[in-house]
Amino acid sequence: MNSAVIIKFEADAIAAQDDILPQFNAYMQQSAHSPSFVHDKEGYFRLSYDEKAGISSAGVMELGKFLQTSGFTVTAIRSASAGESVLATEVKYEKSGKEGSVVLSTVRIY
């Protein structure tokens, strides 16, 4: 069964300079037609996910597809914290010798 989740996307300073968030937003609008809200270094995306695959996989899968098709290399994926007792996933990437990272956290499940 497919459900929906709201994912918060937070870009570090390098990712913000690389305009990762606006690029990811454009990618999501074209590929998934995902409702979104984007401001500065933060964005919120509504994504479908397969309950068998898990909630956190939705954002990581979409971000990974975007990075791969945009010429970035994913260098690490690890657990992270996105505030007080909020579990998140950090995705580190590299392109042209520059490294950046994005933190994805689940805001709401429905």
N, C-alpha and C. Protein backbone atom coordinates (compact mmCIF):
# COMPACT_ATOMS: atom_id res chain seq x y z
N MET A 1 0.84 -1.18 0.00
CA MET A 1 0.00 0.00 0.00
C MET A 1 0.88 1.25 0.00
N ASN A 2 0.55 2.22 -0.81
CA ASN A 2 1.30 3.47 -0.84
C ASN A 2 0.65 4.50 0.07
N SER A 3 1.47 5.23 0.79
CA SER A 3 1.04 6.30 1.66
C SER A 3 1.83 7.54 1.28
N ALA A 4 1.60 8.62 2.01
CA ALA A 4 2.32 9.86 1.73
C ALA A 4 3.05 10.33 2.97
N VAL A 5 4.11 11.07 2.74
CA VAL A 5 4.93 11.60 3.81
C VAL A 5 5.40 13.00 3.41
N ILE A 6 5.53 13.89 4.39
CA ILE A 6 6.12 15.20 4.16
C ILE A 6 7.57 15.11 4.61
N ILE A 7 8.49 15.41 3.71
CA ILE A 7 9.92 15.37 3.98
C ILE A 7 10.46 16.79 4.04
N LYS A 8 11.25 17.08 5.08
CA LYS A 8 11.94 18.37 5.17
C LYS A 8 13.34 18.20 4.59
N PHE A 9 13.73 19.12 3.74
CA PHE A 9 15.02 19.11 3.04
C PHE A 9 15.81 20.30 3.54
N GLU A 10 16.97 20.08 4.15
CA GLU A 10 17.82 21.17 4.64
C GLU A 10 19.18 21.09 3.97
N ALA A 11 19.59 22.15 3.32
CA ALA A 11 20.87 22.19 2.61
C ALA A 11 21.93 22.86 3.48
N ASP A 12 23.16 22.33 3.46
CA ASP A 12 24.25 23.00 4.14
C ASP A 12 24.70 24.20 3.29
N ALA A 13 25.70 24.94 3.76
CA ALA A 13 26.13 26.16 3.05
C ALA A 13 26.61 25.86 1.63
N ILE A 14 27.35 24.77 1.44
CA ILE A 14 27.84 24.42 0.10
C ILE A 14 26.67 24.05 -0.81
N ALA A 15 25.76 23.24 -0.29
CA ALA A 15 24.58 22.84 -1.08
C ALA A 15 23.75 24.06 -1.45
N ALA A 16 23.66 25.03 -0.53
CA ALA A 16 22.91 26.25 -0.82
C ALA A 16 23.59 27.03 -1.95
N GLN A 17 24.93 27.12 -1.91
CA GLN A 17 25.66 27.80 -2.97
C GLN A 17 25.49 27.10 -4.31
N ASP A 18 25.39 25.78 -4.27
CA ASP A 18 25.21 24.99 -5.49
C ASP A 18 23.78 25.03 -6.00
N ASP A 19 22.89 25.71 -5.28
CA ASP A 19 21.47 25.78 -5.63
C ASP A 19 20.83 24.40 -5.73
N ILE A 20 21.23 23.50 -4.84
CA ILE A 20 20.69 22.15 -4.84
C ILE A 20 19.18 22.16 -4.62
N LEU A 21 18.71 22.96 -3.68
CA LEU A 21 17.28 22.96 -3.36
C LEU A 21 16.42 23.39 -4.54
N PRO A 22 16.69 24.52 -5.21
CA PRO A 22 15.87 24.87 -6.37
C PRO A 22 15.96 23.84 -7.50
N GLN A 23 17.15 23.26 -7.68
CA GLN A 23 17.30 22.23 -8.71
C GLN A 23 16.49 20.98 -8.35
N PHE A 24 16.55 20.57 -7.08
CA PHE A 24 15.79 19.40 -6.63
C PHE A 24 14.29 19.68 -6.74
N ASN A 25 13.88 20.89 -6.41
CA ASN A 25 12.47 21.26 -6.52
C ASN A 25 12.00 21.15 -7.97
N ALA A 26 12.79 21.68 -8.90
CA ALA A 26 12.43 21.60 -10.32
C ALA A 26 12.36 20.14 -10.77
N TYR A 27 13.32 19.34 -10.33
CA TYR A 27 13.33 17.91 -10.66
C TYR A 27 12.06 17.24 -10.13
N MET A 28 11.69 17.54 -8.89
CA MET A 28 10.50 16.92 -8.29
C MET A 28 9.23 17.36 -9.01
N GLN A 29 9.17 18.60 -9.44
CA GLN A 29 7.98 19.07 -10.15
C GLN A 29 7.84 18.36 -11.49
N GLN A 30 8.96 18.08 -12.14
CA GLN A 30 8.92 17.41 -13.44
C GLN A 30 8.70 15.91 -13.31
N SER A 31 9.36 15.28 -12.34
CA SER A 31 9.32 13.81 -12.27
C SER A 31 8.17 13.27 -11.43
N ALA A 32 7.88 13.90 -10.32
CA ALA A 32 6.87 13.35 -9.41
C ALA A 32 5.67 14.27 -9.23
N HIS A 33 5.75 15.46 -9.79
CA HIS A 33 4.68 16.46 -9.62
C HIS A 33 4.33 16.60 -8.14
N SER A 34 5.38 16.71 -7.33
CA SER A 34 5.25 16.75 -5.88
C SER A 34 4.87 18.14 -5.39
N PRO A 35 3.80 18.26 -4.58
CA PRO A 35 3.53 19.54 -3.95
C PRO A 35 4.73 19.89 -3.06
N SER A 36 5.14 21.16 -3.08
CA SER A 36 6.32 21.53 -2.30
C SER A 36 6.23 22.97 -1.83
N PHE A 37 7.06 23.28 -0.83
CA PHE A 37 7.25 24.64 -0.34
C PHE A 37 8.75 24.81 -0.16
N VAL A 38 9.34 25.81 -0.80
CA VAL A 38 10.78 26.00 -0.76
C VAL A 38 11.08 27.42 -0.33
N HIS A 39 12.04 27.56 0.63
CA HIS A 39 12.45 28.88 1.09
C HIS A 39 13.91 28.81 1.54
N ASP A 40 14.76 29.65 0.97
CA ASP A 40 16.18 29.70 1.30
C ASP A 40 16.83 28.32 1.24
N LYS A 41 17.27 27.80 2.39
CA LYS A 41 17.97 26.51 2.43
C LYS A 41 17.07 25.37 2.87
N GLU A 42 15.76 25.62 2.99
CA GLU A 42 14.83 24.58 3.44
C GLU A 42 13.71 24.38 2.43
N GLY A 43 13.26 23.16 2.36
CA GLY A 43 12.13 22.85 1.50
C GLY A 43 11.34 21.71 2.09
N TYR A 44 10.07 21.67 1.75
CA TYR A 44 9.19 20.60 2.21
C TYR A 44 8.55 19.97 0.98
N PHE A 45 8.56 18.65 0.93
CA PHE A 45 8.06 17.92 -0.22
C PHE A 45 7.10 16.82 0.23
N ARG A 46 5.99 16.68 -0.48
CA ARG A 46 5.06 15.58 -0.23
C ARG A 46 5.42 14.46 -1.20
N LEU A 47 5.75 13.31 -0.63
CA LEU A 47 6.18 12.17 -1.44
C LEU A 47 5.35 10.94 -1.10
N SER A 48 5.14 10.10 -2.09
CA SER A 48 4.54 8.80 -1.85
C SER A 48 5.64 7.85 -1.41
N TYR A 49 5.28 6.86 -0.61
CA TYR A 49 6.27 5.85 -0.24
C TYR A 49 5.57 4.52 -0.06
N ASP A 50 6.32 3.49 -0.26
CA ASP A 50 5.82 2.13 -0.08
C ASP A 50 6.11 1.74 1.36
N GLU A 51 5.08 1.37 2.11
CA GLU A 51 5.25 1.05 3.52
C GLU A 51 6.24 -0.09 3.74
N LYS A 52 6.36 -0.99 2.78
CA LYS A 52 7.31 -2.10 2.90
C LYS A 52 8.75 -1.61 2.83
N ALA A 53 8.99 -0.55 2.06
CA ALA A 53 10.34 -0.02 1.90
C ALA A 53 10.73 0.88 3.07
N GLY A 54 9.76 1.49 3.73
CA GLY A 54 10.05 2.36 4.86
C GLY A 54 9.90 3.83 4.52
N ILE A 55 9.63 4.59 5.56
CA ILE A 55 9.37 6.02 5.41
C ILE A 55 10.60 6.78 4.93
N SER A 56 11.73 6.56 5.58
CA SER A 56 12.92 7.35 5.26
C SER A 56 13.43 7.10 3.85
N SER A 57 13.06 5.98 3.28
CA SER A 57 13.56 5.66 1.93
C SER A 57 12.98 6.58 0.87
N ALA A 58 11.80 7.15 1.08
CA ALA A 58 11.16 7.98 0.06
C ALA A 58 12.02 9.18 -0.32
N GLY A 59 12.44 9.95 0.65
CA GLY A 59 13.26 11.13 0.36
C GLY A 59 14.64 10.78 -0.15
N VAL A 60 15.25 9.76 0.45
CA VAL A 60 16.59 9.35 0.04
C VAL A 60 16.59 8.85 -1.40
N MET A 61 15.58 8.07 -1.76
CA MET A 61 15.49 7.56 -3.14
C MET A 61 15.35 8.69 -4.14
N GLU A 62 14.45 9.63 -3.88
CA GLU A 62 14.24 10.74 -4.82
C GLU A 62 15.48 11.63 -4.91
N LEU A 63 16.10 11.92 -3.76
CA LEU A 63 17.31 12.74 -3.77
C LEU A 63 18.43 12.02 -4.52
N GLY A 64 18.58 10.73 -4.28
CA GLY A 64 19.62 9.95 -4.97
C GLY A 64 19.43 9.95 -6.47
N LYS A 65 18.18 9.78 -6.93
CA LYS A 65 17.91 9.82 -8.37
C LYS A 65 18.27 11.18 -8.95
N PHE A 66 17.87 12.24 -8.23
CA PHE A 66 18.18 13.60 -8.68
C PHE A 66 19.69 13.82 -8.78
N LEU A 67 20.43 13.46 -7.72
CA LEU A 67 21.87 13.67 -7.72
C LEU A 67 22.54 12.91 -8.87
N GLN A 68 22.13 11.68 -9.06
CA GLN A 68 22.73 10.85 -10.11
C GLN A 68 22.46 11.44 -11.50
N THR A 69 21.23 11.85 -11.77
CA THR A 69 20.90 12.38 -13.09
C THR A 69 21.47 13.78 -13.32
N SER A 70 21.88 14.45 -12.23
CA SER A 70 22.43 15.81 -12.35
C SER A 70 23.95 15.85 -12.32
N GLY A 71 24.59 14.68 -12.34
CA GLY A 71 26.05 14.64 -12.40
C GLY A 71 26.76 14.69 -11.06
N PHE A 72 26.03 14.55 -9.96
CA PHE A 72 26.64 14.52 -8.64
C PHE A 72 26.96 13.08 -8.27
N THR A 73 27.90 12.89 -7.35
CA THR A 73 28.23 11.57 -6.83
C THR A 73 27.86 11.54 -5.35
N VAL A 74 27.06 10.56 -4.94
CA VAL A 74 26.73 10.39 -3.53
C VAL A 74 27.95 9.77 -2.86
N THR A 75 28.48 10.43 -1.83
CA THR A 75 29.68 9.94 -1.16
C THR A 75 29.39 9.29 0.19
N ALA A 76 28.25 9.60 0.80
CA ALA A 76 27.90 8.99 2.09
C ALA A 76 26.43 9.19 2.39
N ILE A 77 25.87 8.23 3.09
CA ILE A 77 24.51 8.33 3.61
C ILE A 77 24.59 7.85 5.05
N ARG A 78 24.14 8.69 6.00
CA ARG A 78 24.24 8.30 7.40
C ARG A 78 23.10 8.90 8.22
N SER A 79 22.92 8.35 9.40
CA SER A 79 21.92 8.90 10.32
C SER A 79 22.39 10.27 10.79
N ALA A 80 21.44 11.13 11.04
CA ALA A 80 21.76 12.48 11.50
C ALA A 80 20.66 12.95 12.44
N SER A 81 20.83 14.14 12.96
CA SER A 81 19.83 14.74 13.82
C SER A 81 19.39 16.04 13.18
N ALA A 82 18.09 16.30 13.23
CA ALA A 82 17.56 17.53 12.64
C ALA A 82 16.85 18.34 13.70
N GLY A 83 17.45 18.44 14.86
CA GLY A 83 16.82 19.15 15.95
C GLY A 83 16.56 18.22 17.11
N GLU A 84 15.87 18.74 18.08
CA GLU A 84 15.63 18.00 19.31
C GLU A 84 14.85 16.72 19.06
N SER A 85 15.48 15.61 19.26
CA SER A 85 14.91 14.26 19.14
C SER A 85 14.24 13.99 17.79
N VAL A 86 14.72 14.63 16.74
CA VAL A 86 14.22 14.36 15.39
C VAL A 86 15.30 13.59 14.64
N LEU A 87 14.99 12.36 14.26
CA LEU A 87 15.93 11.55 13.50
C LEU A 87 15.87 11.95 12.04
N ALA A 88 17.01 11.91 11.40
CA ALA A 88 17.09 12.34 10.01
C ALA A 88 18.14 11.51 9.28
N THR A 89 18.25 11.76 7.99
CA THR A 89 19.26 11.11 7.16
C THR A 89 20.07 12.20 6.46
N GLU A 90 21.39 12.11 6.58
CA GLU A 90 22.27 13.05 5.89
C GLU A 90 22.81 12.37 4.64
N VAL A 91 22.70 13.07 3.52
CA VAL A 91 23.24 12.58 2.25
C VAL A 91 24.35 13.54 1.84
N LYS A 92 25.57 13.01 1.74
CA LYS A 92 26.71 13.82 1.30
C LYS A 92 26.95 13.53 -0.17
N TYR A 93 27.37 14.57 -0.89
CA TYR A 93 27.59 14.44 -2.33
C TYR A 93 28.84 15.21 -2.73
N GLU A 94 29.29 14.97 -3.95
CA GLU A 94 30.46 15.65 -4.49
C GLU A 94 30.24 15.89 -5.98
N LYS A 95 30.72 17.05 -6.43
CA LYS A 95 30.71 17.36 -7.86
C LYS A 95 31.82 18.38 -8.11
N SER A 96 32.65 18.10 -9.07
CA SER A 96 33.74 19.00 -9.45
C SER A 96 34.62 19.38 -8.25
N GLY A 97 34.88 18.42 -7.37
CA GLY A 97 35.75 18.66 -6.23
C GLY A 97 35.10 19.36 -5.05
N LYS A 98 33.85 19.76 -5.17
CA LYS A 98 33.13 20.40 -4.07
C LYS A 98 32.23 19.38 -3.40
N GLU A 99 32.26 19.37 -2.05
CA GLU A 99 31.41 18.47 -1.29
C GLU A 99 30.33 19.26 -0.57
N GLY A 100 29.15 18.72 -0.54
CA GLY A 100 28.04 19.33 0.17
C GLY A 100 27.21 18.26 0.83
N SER A 101 26.24 18.69 1.61
CA SER A 101 25.36 17.70 2.23
C SER A 101 23.95 18.26 2.38
N VAL A 102 23.03 17.33 2.44
CA VAL A 102 21.62 17.63 2.60
C VAL A 102 21.10 16.74 3.72
N VAL A 103 20.27 17.29 4.59
CA VAL A 103 19.65 16.51 5.66
C VAL A 103 18.16 16.39 5.36
N LEU A 104 17.67 15.16 5.36
CA LEU A 104 16.26 14.88 5.12
C LEU A 104 15.64 14.37 6.41
N SER A 105 14.51 14.93 6.79
CA SER A 105 13.80 14.45 7.98
C SER A 105 12.31 14.33 7.66
N THR A 106 11.65 13.43 8.36
CA THR A 106 10.23 13.21 8.16
C THR A 106 9.45 14.15 9.06
N VAL A 107 8.53 14.91 8.47
CA VAL A 107 7.74 15.87 9.22
C VAL A 107 6.37 15.29 9.55
N ARG A 108 5.76 14.62 8.58
CA ARG A 108 4.40 14.11 8.78
C ARG A 108 4.17 12.89 7.90
N ILE A 109 3.42 11.94 8.43
CA ILE A 109 3.06 10.74 7.69
C ILE A 109 1.54 10.68 7.63
N TYR A 110 1.00 10.39 6.46
CA TYR A 110 -0.45 10.21 6.34
C TYR A 110 -0.80 9.33 5.19
